Each structure stands twice: as structure tokens, then as C-alpha cells.
Amino acid sequence: MSFTPSTPVTGAAVTGLTSPTYTLTADTAPAVNAKQYYVSALGGTQTGVTTHSVSSPFVVAMWRPLVLQGVAFFSSLIGFKAKNPVNRYKYVVLKGATPAAGATPQNIVMSMSIEVPAGVENYDAVNMKAAFSLLAGVVFANGTGMTDVLSTGTL
């Protein structure tokens, strides 16, 4: 299965947003090795939140490596001939927000980079999946705390 988010997406619990949902619509990605979706509708109570527009985007995108790397050559006599390559994936949310009254919207960029050593996806996929499961769970379960840090700067 590829990156094809179910829609609507249920947002994490965050103070000020009651049962947030985000309806996604497929968009043209900025690169051939990416997929992008924009938020076309909101659900729940999200007073003041805007959907996607040209001047105030609300998109989610995922990039995969342009060229996927395989595991490095291995010799039982000398070990790996080179450093094992890493496949880098990137997940980005872009959201327009207004910094002050009368100001034009500016973009908030939230990105996550995932680096998977080549070969892990075949040899030890369960541990790769566990790492992502923990990441997704911590972000989802701690939405309010994490947004509080963005608001206050206090960890």
C-alpha cells in the first residue's frame, strides 16, 4: 500500500479543536517522487481554521527517495565494501497562518524526515514498523502538549 491517506483524517486531540477532521483532496505534487493532498473541508469545531487556498495553503505531502538504494555489497572476507546507503523519506505539512492583524498569511512548515538503512525494509521490517508506530502514537497522543510547546517555547 502506498501513501494514500483515508479521508477525512481524524486529527489528534488538541485544546481548542473539538473532534477535528480534515477532508483531503488529491493535488499535484511539487516533484515526481512525491504525493500531495490539500485540505478541502474541515469537520468538528475548529473556529478560525481555514482550508487550503493559494495564499494560505493547507497541504500534506510525502516524498520518497528519487532513486531507492539497495543494501551495500557484502563480502564475508572484508565485510561491507562501503557505508550502507540510507533511503530518506520526508513528510511535510504546509499551513498558511496570519502572524498579526492586517498581515498577509505566512507558511508554517512542519516536516519529518525518516532515514531507513537500505535492507532494513526486508530483513527487519517489524522493527522499522515499531519505530514508526511509536512516532505516530506519541505525536497523536500528545497533540496538546506538543502544540503548547509551539505556543510557549517551554518543553
Protein backbone atom coordinates (compact mmCIF):
# COMPACT_ATOMS: atom_id res chain seq x y z
CA MET A 1 0.00 0.00 0.00
CA SER A 2 1.26 3.44 -0.83
CA PHE A 3 0.78 6.81 0.83
CA THR A 4 -2.92 7.33 0.23
CA PRO A 5 -4.47 8.81 3.37
CA SER A 6 -8.07 7.89 4.15
CA THR A 7 -10.30 10.91 4.17
CA PRO A 8 -11.43 12.52 6.30
CA VAL A 9 -8.40 12.33 8.58
CA THR A 10 -9.19 12.48 12.29
CA GLY A 11 -6.87 14.98 13.95
CA ALA A 12 -5.20 14.50 17.31
CA ALA A 13 -6.81 15.83 20.45
CA VAL A 14 -5.66 19.44 20.83
CA THR A 15 -7.04 22.10 23.16
CA GLY A 16 -9.38 24.39 21.21
CA LEU A 17 -10.19 21.87 18.47
CA THR A 18 -13.18 19.63 19.16
CA SER A 19 -13.20 16.35 17.19
CA PRO A 20 -11.16 17.83 14.32
CA THR A 21 -11.38 16.18 10.92
CA TYR A 22 -9.70 17.16 7.67
CA THR A 23 -11.08 16.20 4.26
CA LEU A 24 -8.21 15.63 1.84
CA THR A 25 -8.28 16.01 -1.93
CA ALA A 26 -5.51 14.76 -4.23
CA ASP A 27 -3.29 17.56 -5.51
CA THR A 28 -0.42 17.85 -7.98
CA ALA A 29 2.80 17.14 -6.12
CA PRO A 30 5.77 19.52 -6.45
CA ALA A 31 8.05 16.65 -7.59
CA VAL A 32 7.76 13.31 -9.40
CA ASN A 33 8.83 11.44 -6.27
CA ALA A 34 6.09 12.97 -4.08
CA LYS A 35 2.35 12.77 -3.44
CA GLN A 36 0.39 15.75 -2.14
CA TYR A 37 -3.12 16.35 -0.80
CA TYR A 38 -4.84 19.57 0.21
CA VAL A 39 -7.42 20.16 2.94
CA SER A 40 -10.68 20.94 1.15
CA ALA A 41 -13.04 20.80 4.16
CA LEU A 42 -12.95 20.82 7.95
CA GLY A 43 -15.08 18.92 10.44
CA GLY A 44 -15.67 19.24 14.15
CA THR A 45 -15.28 22.60 15.85
CA GLN A 46 -12.25 24.45 14.52
CA THR A 47 -13.12 28.11 14.88
CA GLY A 48 -10.76 30.28 12.85
CA VAL A 49 -9.09 27.41 10.99
CA THR A 50 -9.02 27.86 7.21
CA THR A 51 -8.98 25.31 4.42
CA HIS A 52 -6.49 25.38 1.55
CA SER A 53 -6.17 28.40 -0.73
CA VAL A 54 -3.45 29.82 -2.95
CA SER A 55 -2.42 32.50 -0.45
CA SER A 56 -2.89 30.30 2.63
CA PRO A 57 -2.05 26.68 1.81
CA PHE A 58 -3.04 23.67 3.89
CA VAL A 59 -1.37 20.62 2.36
CA VAL A 60 0.23 17.36 3.38
CA ALA A 61 2.87 15.70 1.21
CA MET A 62 5.22 12.75 1.31
CA TRP A 63 8.47 12.32 -0.62
CA ARG A 64 10.36 9.12 -1.25
CA PRO A 65 13.95 8.96 -2.50
CA LEU A 66 14.18 9.77 -6.20
CA VAL A 67 16.35 6.67 -6.58
CA LEU A 68 15.85 3.96 -3.96
CA GLN A 69 19.11 2.49 -2.66
CA GLY A 70 19.77 -1.21 -2.15
CA VAL A 71 21.89 -2.81 0.52
CA ALA A 72 25.64 -2.33 0.09
CA PHE A 73 27.82 -5.09 -1.34
CA PHE A 74 28.84 -7.56 1.35
CA SER A 75 31.84 -9.88 1.43
CA SER A 76 32.38 -12.44 4.18
CA LEU A 77 36.12 -11.75 3.90
CA ILE A 78 36.16 -7.98 4.28
CA GLY A 79 32.62 -7.07 5.36
CA PHE A 80 30.78 -4.19 3.73
CA LYS A 81 32.78 -2.55 0.95
CA ALA A 82 31.10 0.80 1.51
CA LYS A 83 28.92 2.52 4.04
CA ASN A 84 25.44 1.05 3.80
CA PRO A 85 23.17 3.53 1.95
CA VAL A 86 20.17 5.15 3.60
CA ASN A 87 16.80 5.82 1.98
CA ARG A 88 15.44 9.19 3.14
CA TYR A 89 11.70 9.86 3.18
CA LYS A 90 10.13 13.21 4.04
CA TYR A 91 6.65 14.04 5.28
CA VAL A 92 5.58 17.71 5.22
CA VAL A 93 2.55 19.71 6.34
CA LEU A 94 2.33 23.25 4.98
CA LYS A 95 -0.23 25.60 6.58
CA GLY A 96 -0.77 29.28 5.97
CA ALA A 97 -1.31 31.38 9.09
CA THR A 98 -1.59 35.10 9.75
CA PRO A 99 1.09 36.44 12.15
CA ALA A 100 -0.69 39.70 13.03
CA ALA A 101 -3.79 41.75 12.25
CA GLY A 102 -3.65 43.06 8.70
CA ALA A 103 -0.63 40.93 7.80
CA THR A 104 -0.54 38.54 4.86
CA PRO A 105 -0.50 34.82 5.63
CA GLN A 106 2.89 33.20 6.15
CA ASN A 107 3.60 29.48 5.82
CA ILE A 108 4.11 27.17 8.77
CA VAL A 109 6.27 24.24 7.64
CA MET A 110 6.21 21.06 9.72
CA SER A 111 8.41 18.29 8.38
CA MET A 112 9.51 14.87 9.45
CA SER A 113 12.45 13.06 7.91
CA ILE A 114 12.70 9.28 8.12
CA GLU A 115 16.00 7.58 7.34
CA VAL A 116 15.88 3.82 6.77
CA PRO A 117 19.15 1.94 6.20
CA ALA A 118 18.84 0.04 2.92
CA GLY A 119 17.93 -3.59 3.56
CA VAL A 120 16.04 -3.00 6.82
CA GLU A 121 12.73 -2.91 4.91
CA ASN A 122 13.30 -6.58 4.00
CA TYR A 123 15.43 -8.04 6.78
CA ASP A 124 13.96 -6.34 9.87
CA ALA A 125 10.74 -4.64 8.76
CA VAL A 126 9.00 -5.31 12.07
CA ASN A 127 11.41 -3.04 13.96
CA MET A 128 11.08 -0.34 11.30
CA LYS A 129 7.28 -0.56 11.70
CA ALA A 130 7.58 -0.44 15.52
CA ALA A 131 9.69 2.74 15.33
CA PHE A 132 7.10 4.45 13.12
CA SER A 133 4.24 3.18 15.29
CA LEU A 134 5.85 4.78 18.35
CA LEU A 135 6.46 8.05 16.49
CA ALA A 136 2.86 8.25 15.22
CA GLY A 137 1.45 7.27 18.61
CA VAL A 138 3.49 9.84 20.54
CA VAL A 139 2.52 12.63 18.13
CA PHE A 140 -1.17 11.64 18.14
CA ALA A 141 -1.42 11.12 21.91
CA ASN A 142 0.47 14.28 22.81
CA GLY A 143 -1.11 16.81 20.45
CA THR A 144 -1.98 19.31 23.16
CA GLY A 145 1.41 19.11 24.87
CA MET A 146 3.27 19.46 21.60
CA THR A 147 1.18 22.45 20.47
CA ASP A 148 1.68 24.02 23.91
CA VAL A 149 5.45 23.81 23.32
CA LEU A 150 4.97 25.58 19.96
CA SER A 151 2.95 28.30 21.71
CA THR A 152 5.06 28.79 24.82
CA GLY A 153 8.52 27.57 23.83
CA THR A 154 8.61 25.61 27.09
CA LEU A 155 9.39 21.88 26.98
